[in-house]
Amino acid sequence: MKKGMTLFFIGLILFMIGIYLSSHWAIIGTLMGVGGGMIMGSSTYFLAKKHNS
């Protein structure tokens, strides 16, 4: 549970920072937003795996 929630919050923070930075630096903000979204998506695997067991 802790791994899934930690990844989720790290991904959320990166995603939000990426959205903010994309208004100033498009490439860096986009990469951070996409990376944060991927981390948030991968965290759902760990969150769902905990509930299935």
N, C-alpha and C. Protein backbone atom coordinates (compact mmCIF):
# COMPACT_ATOMS: atom_id res chain seq x y z
N MET A 1 0.83 -1.19 0.00
CA MET A 1 0.00 0.00 0.00
C MET A 1 0.87 1.25 0.00
N LYS A 2 1.94 1.24 0.76
CA LYS A 2 2.77 2.43 0.85
C LYS A 2 3.47 2.71 -0.48
N LYS A 3 3.87 1.66 -1.20
CA LYS A 3 4.54 1.86 -2.47
C LYS A 3 3.60 2.48 -3.50
N GLY A 4 2.37 2.01 -3.55
CA GLY A 4 1.40 2.54 -4.48
C GLY A 4 1.03 3.98 -4.19
N MET A 5 0.81 4.30 -2.93
CA MET A 5 0.46 5.68 -2.56
C MET A 5 1.63 6.63 -2.76
N THR A 6 2.84 6.17 -2.47
CA THR A 6 4.02 7.01 -2.67
C THR A 6 4.21 7.33 -4.14
N LEU A 7 4.10 6.31 -4.99
CA LEU A 7 4.22 6.54 -6.43
C LEU A 7 3.12 7.45 -6.94
N PHE A 8 1.93 7.29 -6.41
CA PHE A 8 0.82 8.13 -6.84
C PHE A 8 1.07 9.60 -6.53
N PHE A 9 1.51 9.89 -5.31
CA PHE A 9 1.73 11.29 -4.94
C PHE A 9 2.94 11.89 -5.65
N ILE A 10 3.99 11.11 -5.87
CA ILE A 10 5.13 11.61 -6.64
C ILE A 10 4.69 11.91 -8.07
N GLY A 11 3.91 11.02 -8.67
CA GLY A 11 3.40 11.25 -10.01
C GLY A 11 2.48 12.44 -10.09
N LEU A 12 1.64 12.62 -9.08
CA LEU A 12 0.73 13.76 -9.05
C LEU A 12 1.50 15.07 -8.97
N ILE A 13 2.50 15.12 -8.12
CA ILE A 13 3.30 16.34 -7.99
C ILE A 13 4.04 16.64 -9.29
N LEU A 14 4.65 15.63 -9.90
CA LEU A 14 5.33 15.84 -11.17
C LEU A 14 4.36 16.30 -12.25
N PHE A 15 3.18 15.72 -12.26
CA PHE A 15 2.17 16.09 -13.25
C PHE A 15 1.75 17.55 -13.09
N MET A 16 1.50 17.97 -11.85
CA MET A 16 1.10 19.35 -11.59
C MET A 16 2.22 20.34 -11.92
N ILE A 17 3.45 20.01 -11.55
CA ILE A 17 4.58 20.88 -11.88
C ILE A 17 4.76 20.94 -13.39
N GLY A 18 4.55 19.82 -14.08
CA GLY A 18 4.65 19.80 -15.53
C GLY A 18 3.62 20.69 -16.20
N ILE A 19 2.41 20.70 -15.66
CA ILE A 19 1.37 21.57 -16.22
C ILE A 19 1.75 23.04 -16.02
N TYR A 20 2.25 23.37 -14.85
CA TYR A 20 2.65 24.75 -14.59
C TYR A 20 3.82 25.16 -15.47
N LEU A 21 4.84 24.31 -15.57
CA LEU A 21 6.02 24.66 -16.36
C LEU A 21 5.75 24.71 -17.85
N SER A 22 4.76 23.99 -18.31
CA SER A 22 4.49 23.97 -19.75
C SER A 22 4.02 25.34 -20.25
N SER A 23 3.58 26.20 -19.35
CA SER A 23 3.20 27.54 -19.78
C SER A 23 4.42 28.42 -20.01
N HIS A 24 5.55 28.06 -19.43
CA HIS A 24 6.78 28.83 -19.59
C HIS A 24 7.78 28.11 -20.50
N TRP A 25 8.05 26.85 -20.20
CA TRP A 25 8.98 26.04 -20.99
C TRP A 25 8.22 24.81 -21.48
N ALA A 26 7.85 24.83 -22.74
CA ALA A 26 6.94 23.82 -23.27
C ALA A 26 7.52 22.41 -23.23
N ILE A 27 8.74 22.24 -23.67
CA ILE A 27 9.31 20.88 -23.76
C ILE A 27 9.51 20.28 -22.37
N ILE A 28 10.11 21.03 -21.47
CA ILE A 28 10.38 20.52 -20.12
C ILE A 28 9.07 20.23 -19.38
N GLY A 29 8.12 21.13 -19.48
CA GLY A 29 6.83 20.93 -18.82
C GLY A 29 6.08 19.74 -19.37
N THR A 30 6.14 19.57 -20.69
CA THR A 30 5.46 18.43 -21.30
C THR A 30 6.08 17.12 -20.85
N LEU A 31 7.40 17.06 -20.84
CA LEU A 31 8.08 15.83 -20.41
C LEU A 31 7.79 15.51 -18.94
N MET A 32 7.78 16.52 -18.11
CA MET A 32 7.47 16.28 -16.70
C MET A 32 6.01 15.85 -16.53
N GLY A 33 5.11 16.45 -17.29
CA GLY A 33 3.70 16.06 -17.21
C GLY A 33 3.47 14.64 -17.67
N VAL A 34 4.10 14.27 -18.76
CA VAL A 34 3.95 12.90 -19.27
C VAL A 34 4.59 11.91 -18.31
N GLY A 35 5.76 12.24 -17.79
CA GLY A 35 6.42 11.35 -16.82
C GLY A 35 5.60 11.18 -15.55
N GLY A 36 5.03 12.27 -15.06
CA GLY A 36 4.18 12.19 -13.87
C GLY A 36 2.93 11.37 -14.12
N GLY A 37 2.35 11.52 -15.30
CA GLY A 37 1.17 10.71 -15.65
C GLY A 37 1.50 9.24 -15.74
N MET A 38 2.67 8.92 -16.26
CA MET A 38 3.08 7.52 -16.35
C MET A 38 3.32 6.93 -14.96
N ILE A 39 3.90 7.70 -14.07
CA ILE A 39 4.12 7.23 -12.70
C ILE A 39 2.79 7.03 -11.99
N MET A 40 1.85 7.97 -12.19
CA MET A 40 0.53 7.81 -11.58
C MET A 40 -0.17 6.57 -12.14
N GLY A 41 -0.04 6.33 -13.42
CA GLY A 41 -0.67 5.16 -14.03
C GLY A 41 -0.07 3.86 -13.52
N SER A 42 1.25 3.84 -13.35
CA SER A 42 1.88 2.61 -12.86
C SER A 42 1.56 2.36 -11.39
N SER A 43 1.27 3.41 -10.64
CA SER A 43 0.94 3.22 -9.23
C SER A 43 -0.40 2.52 -9.06
N THR A 44 -1.28 2.64 -10.04
CA THR A 44 -2.58 1.98 -9.92
C THR A 44 -2.44 0.46 -9.94
N TYR A 45 -1.38 -0.04 -10.56
CA TYR A 45 -1.13 -1.49 -10.53
C TYR A 45 -0.93 -1.96 -9.10
N PHE A 46 -0.10 -1.22 -8.35
CA PHE A 46 0.17 -1.63 -6.97
C PHE A 46 -1.06 -1.42 -6.08
N LEU A 47 -1.83 -0.37 -6.34
CA LEU A 47 -3.03 -0.14 -5.54
C LEU A 47 -4.08 -1.22 -5.81
N ALA A 48 -4.26 -1.60 -7.08
CA ALA A 48 -5.25 -2.62 -7.42
C ALA A 48 -4.79 -4.00 -6.99
N LYS A 49 -3.51 -4.27 -7.05
CA LYS A 49 -2.98 -5.58 -6.64
C LYS A 49 -3.23 -5.82 -5.16
N LYS A 50 -3.16 -4.79 -4.35
CA LYS A 50 -3.40 -4.91 -2.92
C LYS A 50 -4.85 -5.30 -2.63
N HIS A 51 -5.78 -4.75 -3.40
CA HIS A 51 -7.21 -5.02 -3.15
C HIS A 51 -7.63 -6.39 -3.67
N ASN A 52 -6.94 -6.93 -4.67
CA ASN A 52 -7.32 -8.24 -5.22
C ASN A 52 -6.87 -9.39 -4.32
N SER A 53 -5.82 -9.20 -3.57
CA SER A 53 -5.28 -10.30 -2.75
C SER A 53 -6.10 -10.54 -1.51
